[in-house]
């Protein structure tokens, strides 16, 4: 894995690409995703692979964090929460006296 301090990385076809270009592609993908079902880091790896970038998930995670892009869970606009369980009714009610 190349470090982000390096000025470039290599695409699957062997061509060199600088990190700024990769960051722009990542931001473009995230910008166009369905906000109700944002792409996970694994899905971002797959999308980048379609464009010729062969990178590990942890590399994408680190780059996403450095760019200030939240996780897919945090990017979701349609968060559903599990229904709250009702509180148990106490058998012993306190006296109001």
N, C-alpha and C. Protein backbone atom coordinates (compact mmCIF):
# COMPACT_ATOMS: atom_id res chain seq x y z
N UNK A 1 0.85 -1.18 0.00
CA UNK A 1 0.00 0.00 0.00
C UNK A 1 0.89 1.23 0.00
N UNK A 2 0.60 2.15 -0.87
CA UNK A 2 1.35 3.40 -0.92
C UNK A 2 0.81 4.34 0.14
N UNK A 3 1.67 5.16 0.66
CA UNK A 3 1.27 6.16 1.66
C UNK A 3 0.66 7.36 0.96
N UNK A 4 -0.18 8.11 1.70
CA UNK A 4 -0.81 9.29 1.12
C UNK A 4 0.20 10.41 0.92
N UNK A 5 1.32 10.36 1.65
CA UNK A 5 2.33 11.38 1.47
C UNK A 5 3.02 11.25 0.11
N UNK A 6 2.95 10.05 -0.48
CA UNK A 6 3.48 9.87 -1.83
C UNK A 6 2.62 10.65 -2.80
N UNK A 7 3.22 11.08 -3.88
CA UNK A 7 2.48 11.95 -4.79
C UNK A 7 1.59 11.20 -5.77
N UNK A 8 1.78 9.86 -5.86
CA UNK A 8 0.98 9.14 -6.83
C UNK A 8 0.83 7.68 -6.43
N UNK A 9 -0.09 7.02 -7.12
CA UNK A 9 -0.29 5.59 -6.99
C UNK A 9 -0.40 5.02 -8.39
N UNK A 10 -0.51 3.73 -8.50
CA UNK A 10 -0.56 3.08 -9.81
C UNK A 10 -1.93 2.46 -10.04
N UNK A 11 -2.47 2.68 -11.23
CA UNK A 11 -3.73 2.06 -11.62
C UNK A 11 -3.48 0.61 -12.02
N UNK A 12 -4.56 -0.12 -12.21
CA UNK A 12 -4.47 -1.54 -12.58
C UNK A 12 -3.74 -1.73 -13.90
N UNK A 13 -3.84 -0.76 -14.81
CA UNK A 13 -3.17 -0.89 -16.11
C UNK A 13 -1.70 -0.48 -16.07
N UNK A 14 -1.20 -0.08 -14.88
CA UNK A 14 0.20 0.29 -14.72
C UNK A 14 0.48 1.77 -14.84
N UNK A 15 -0.51 2.56 -15.22
CA UNK A 15 -0.30 4.00 -15.34
C UNK A 15 -0.30 4.66 -13.96
N UNK A 16 0.45 5.74 -13.85
CA UNK A 16 0.53 6.47 -12.59
C UNK A 16 -0.60 7.48 -12.48
N UNK A 17 -1.14 7.59 -11.27
CA UNK A 17 -2.22 8.54 -10.99
C UNK A 17 -1.89 9.22 -9.67
N UNK A 18 -2.00 10.54 -9.63
CA UNK A 18 -1.72 11.21 -8.36
C UNK A 18 -2.91 11.10 -7.41
N UNK A 19 -2.63 11.27 -6.13
CA UNK A 19 -3.67 11.10 -5.11
C UNK A 19 -4.78 12.13 -5.24
N UNK A 20 -4.46 13.31 -5.76
CA UNK A 20 -5.50 14.33 -5.95
C UNK A 20 -6.54 13.87 -6.97
N UNK A 21 -6.08 13.20 -8.01
CA UNK A 21 -7.01 12.66 -9.01
C UNK A 21 -7.88 11.58 -8.38
N UNK A 22 -7.26 10.68 -7.63
CA UNK A 22 -8.01 9.63 -6.96
C UNK A 22 -9.03 10.22 -5.99
N UNK A 23 -8.62 11.24 -5.25
CA UNK A 23 -9.53 11.90 -4.30
C UNK A 23 -10.71 12.52 -5.05
N UNK A 24 -10.45 13.12 -6.19
CA UNK A 24 -11.52 13.71 -6.99
C UNK A 24 -12.51 12.66 -7.49
N UNK A 25 -11.99 11.51 -7.91
CA UNK A 25 -12.85 10.43 -8.38
C UNK A 25 -13.70 9.90 -7.22
N UNK A 26 -13.08 9.72 -6.07
CA UNK A 26 -13.82 9.25 -4.89
C UNK A 26 -14.92 10.24 -4.51
N UNK A 27 -14.61 11.52 -4.48
CA UNK A 27 -15.62 12.54 -4.16
C UNK A 27 -16.74 12.55 -5.18
N UNK A 28 -16.40 12.33 -6.45
CA UNK A 28 -17.42 12.28 -7.51
C UNK A 28 -18.37 11.11 -7.28
N UNK A 29 -17.81 9.94 -6.97
CA UNK A 29 -18.63 8.75 -6.75
C UNK A 29 -19.56 8.97 -5.56
N UNK A 30 -19.01 9.47 -4.47
CA UNK A 30 -19.83 9.70 -3.26
C UNK A 30 -20.88 10.78 -3.53
N UNK A 31 -20.54 11.78 -4.32
CA UNK A 31 -21.48 12.85 -4.64
C UNK A 31 -22.67 12.39 -5.46
N UNK A 32 -22.48 11.34 -6.26
CA UNK A 32 -23.54 10.84 -7.13
C UNK A 32 -24.30 9.65 -6.57
N UNK A 33 -23.90 9.17 -5.39
CA UNK A 33 -24.54 7.97 -4.84
C UNK A 33 -25.96 8.27 -4.35
N UNK A 34 -26.73 7.23 -4.21
CA UNK A 34 -28.09 7.32 -3.66
C UNK A 34 -27.96 7.63 -2.18
N UNK A 35 -28.47 8.78 -1.76
CA UNK A 35 -28.31 9.20 -0.37
C UNK A 35 -29.12 8.34 0.59
N UNK A 36 -30.09 7.61 0.08
CA UNK A 36 -30.85 6.70 0.94
C UNK A 36 -30.12 5.38 1.15
N UNK A 37 -29.23 5.04 0.22
CA UNK A 37 -28.43 3.82 0.33
C UNK A 37 -27.00 4.13 -0.10
N UNK A 38 -26.26 4.85 0.75
CA UNK A 38 -24.89 5.22 0.38
C UNK A 38 -23.98 3.99 0.26
N UNK A 39 -22.93 4.15 -0.50
CA UNK A 39 -22.00 3.06 -0.77
C UNK A 39 -21.08 2.82 0.43
N UNK A 40 -20.90 1.56 0.79
CA UNK A 40 -19.95 1.20 1.83
C UNK A 40 -18.54 1.33 1.26
N UNK A 41 -17.54 1.24 2.11
CA UNK A 41 -16.16 1.30 1.63
C UNK A 41 -15.87 0.14 0.68
N UNK A 42 -16.44 -1.03 0.95
CA UNK A 42 -16.27 -2.16 0.02
C UNK A 42 -16.89 -1.86 -1.34
N UNK A 43 -18.05 -1.23 -1.34
CA UNK A 43 -18.70 -0.86 -2.60
C UNK A 43 -17.91 0.23 -3.32
N UNK A 44 -17.29 1.14 -2.56
CA UNK A 44 -16.45 2.17 -3.17
C UNK A 44 -15.23 1.54 -3.84
N UNK A 45 -14.65 0.51 -3.20
CA UNK A 45 -13.53 -0.22 -3.81
C UNK A 45 -13.98 -0.81 -5.15
N UNK A 46 -15.18 -1.40 -5.18
CA UNK A 46 -15.71 -2.01 -6.40
C UNK A 46 -15.92 -0.94 -7.49
N UNK A 47 -16.49 0.20 -7.10
CA UNK A 47 -16.72 1.28 -8.08
C UNK A 47 -15.40 1.82 -8.62
N UNK A 48 -14.41 1.98 -7.74
CA UNK A 48 -13.11 2.46 -8.20
C UNK A 48 -12.42 1.42 -9.09
N UNK A 49 -12.64 0.14 -8.79
CA UNK A 49 -12.06 -0.93 -9.63
C UNK A 49 -12.63 -0.87 -11.04
N UNK A 50 -13.92 -0.51 -11.17
CA UNK A 50 -14.52 -0.36 -12.50
C UNK A 50 -13.82 0.73 -13.30
N UNK A 51 -13.23 1.70 -12.59
CA UNK A 51 -12.55 2.82 -13.24
C UNK A 51 -11.04 2.58 -13.34
N UNK A 52 -10.61 1.37 -12.98
CA UNK A 52 -9.21 1.02 -13.15
C UNK A 52 -8.32 1.18 -11.93
N UNK A 53 -8.88 1.56 -10.80
CA UNK A 53 -8.10 1.72 -9.58
C UNK A 53 -8.16 0.43 -8.76
N UNK A 54 -7.01 -0.15 -8.50
CA UNK A 54 -6.96 -1.38 -7.71
C UNK A 54 -6.42 -1.00 -6.32
N UNK A 55 -7.34 -0.85 -5.38
CA UNK A 55 -6.98 -0.40 -4.03
C UNK A 55 -7.65 -1.28 -2.99
N UNK A 56 -7.05 -1.36 -1.84
CA UNK A 56 -7.62 -2.10 -0.72
C UNK A 56 -8.70 -1.26 -0.03
N UNK A 57 -9.61 -1.94 0.66
CA UNK A 57 -10.66 -1.23 1.39
C UNK A 57 -10.07 -0.29 2.42
N UNK A 58 -9.04 -0.74 3.13
CA UNK A 58 -8.47 0.11 4.19
C UNK A 58 -7.85 1.38 3.60
N UNK A 59 -7.35 1.30 2.37
CA UNK A 59 -6.82 2.49 1.70
C UNK A 59 -7.94 3.48 1.42
N UNK A 60 -9.07 2.96 0.93
CA UNK A 60 -10.22 3.82 0.65
C UNK A 60 -10.75 4.42 1.95
N UNK A 61 -10.80 3.62 3.01
CA UNK A 61 -11.27 4.12 4.30
C UNK A 61 -10.38 5.26 4.78
N UNK A 62 -9.07 5.09 4.71
CA UNK A 62 -8.16 6.15 5.13
C UNK A 62 -8.30 7.40 4.27
N UNK A 63 -8.40 7.22 2.96
CA UNK A 63 -8.56 8.36 2.06
C UNK A 63 -9.88 9.08 2.34
N UNK A 64 -10.95 8.31 2.51
CA UNK A 64 -12.26 8.90 2.81
C UNK A 64 -12.20 9.74 4.08
N UNK A 65 -11.56 9.20 5.11
CA UNK A 65 -11.43 9.93 6.38
C UNK A 65 -10.60 11.19 6.21
N UNK A 66 -9.50 11.11 5.46
CA UNK A 66 -8.66 12.28 5.24
C UNK A 66 -9.39 13.38 4.46
N UNK A 67 -10.31 12.96 3.61
CA UNK A 67 -11.08 13.93 2.84
C UNK A 67 -12.28 14.47 3.61
N UNK A 68 -12.51 13.92 4.80
CA UNK A 68 -13.64 14.37 5.62
C UNK A 68 -14.97 13.82 5.15
N UNK A 69 -14.94 12.71 4.41
CA UNK A 69 -16.17 12.08 3.94
C UNK A 69 -16.63 11.10 5.03
N UNK A 70 -17.83 11.29 5.56
CA UNK A 70 -18.32 10.39 6.60
C UNK A 70 -18.53 8.96 6.09
N UNK A 71 -18.68 8.03 7.02
CA UNK A 71 -18.95 6.64 6.65
C UNK A 71 -20.33 6.53 6.00
N UNK A 72 -20.60 5.41 5.37
CA UNK A 72 -21.89 5.23 4.69
C UNK A 72 -23.04 5.36 5.68
N UNK A 73 -22.86 4.87 6.88
CA UNK A 73 -23.91 4.99 7.89
C UNK A 73 -24.18 6.46 8.23
N UNK A 74 -23.13 7.25 8.32
CA UNK A 74 -23.29 8.66 8.63
C UNK A 74 -23.79 9.46 7.45
N UNK A 75 -23.53 9.00 6.22
CA UNK A 75 -24.01 9.71 5.02
C UNK A 75 -25.47 9.42 4.71
N UNK A 76 -26.04 8.41 5.31
CA UNK A 76 -27.40 8.01 5.01
C UNK A 76 -28.39 9.09 5.46
N UNK A 77 -29.31 9.44 4.56
CA UNK A 77 -30.34 10.42 4.91
C UNK A 77 -31.61 9.75 5.38
N UNK A 78 -31.70 8.45 5.18
CA UNK A 78 -32.89 7.69 5.54
C UNK A 78 -32.52 6.69 6.62
N UNK A 79 -32.29 7.18 7.80
CA UNK A 79 -31.92 6.29 8.90
C UNK A 79 -33.17 5.74 9.55
N UNK A 80 -33.17 4.47 9.67
CA UNK A 80 -34.30 3.85 10.37
C UNK A 80 -33.78 3.31 11.68
N UNK A 81 -34.55 3.51 12.70
CA UNK A 81 -34.14 3.00 14.00
C UNK A 81 -35.07 1.88 14.39
N UNK A 82 -34.56 0.98 15.16
CA UNK A 82 -35.37 -0.14 15.63
C UNK A 82 -36.44 0.39 16.56
N UNK A 83 -37.62 -0.20 16.52
CA UNK A 83 -38.66 0.27 17.42
C UNK A 83 -38.21 0.11 18.87
N UNK A 84 -38.56 1.09 19.64
CA UNK A 84 -38.20 1.07 21.05
C UNK A 84 -39.07 0.06 21.79
N UNK A 85 -38.44 -0.71 22.64
CA UNK A 85 -39.20 -1.64 23.47
C UNK A 85 -39.86 -0.85 24.58
N UNK A 86 -41.11 -1.16 24.88
CA UNK A 86 -41.76 -0.45 25.98
C UNK A 86 -41.06 -0.77 27.29
N UNK A 87 -41.04 0.20 28.16
CA UNK A 87 -40.45 -0.02 29.47
C UNK A 87 -41.32 -0.99 30.25
N UNK A 88 -40.72 -1.86 31.03
CA UNK A 88 -41.53 -2.78 31.82
C UNK A 88 -42.33 -2.03 32.88
N UNK A 89 -43.51 -2.50 33.10
CA UNK A 89 -44.37 -1.87 34.11
C UNK A 89 -43.97 -2.44 35.46
N UNK A 90 -43.71 -1.54 36.35
CA UNK A 90 -43.29 -1.95 37.68
C UNK A 90 -44.47 -2.55 38.43
N UNK A 91 -44.20 -3.60 39.18
CA UNK A 91 -45.25 -4.23 39.98
C UNK A 91 -45.50 -3.43 41.25
N UNK A 92 -44.52 -2.70 41.65
CA UNK A 92 -44.64 -1.92 42.87
C UNK A 92 -44.67 -0.45 42.53
N UNK A 93 -45.84 0.13 42.64
CA UNK A 93 -45.96 1.56 42.35
C UNK A 93 -45.67 2.34 43.60
N UNK A 94 -44.91 3.39 43.47
CA UNK A 94 -44.63 4.20 44.65
C UNK A 94 -45.90 4.90 45.13
N UNK A 95 -45.98 5.06 46.40
CA UNK A 95 -47.11 5.73 47.01
C UNK A 95 -47.01 7.22 46.76
N UNK A 96 -48.14 7.86 46.49
CA UNK A 96 -48.15 9.31 46.27
C UNK A 96 -48.33 10.06 47.59
N UNK A 97 -48.51 9.37 48.70
CA UNK A 97 -48.69 10.03 50.00
C UNK A 97 -47.40 10.52 50.55
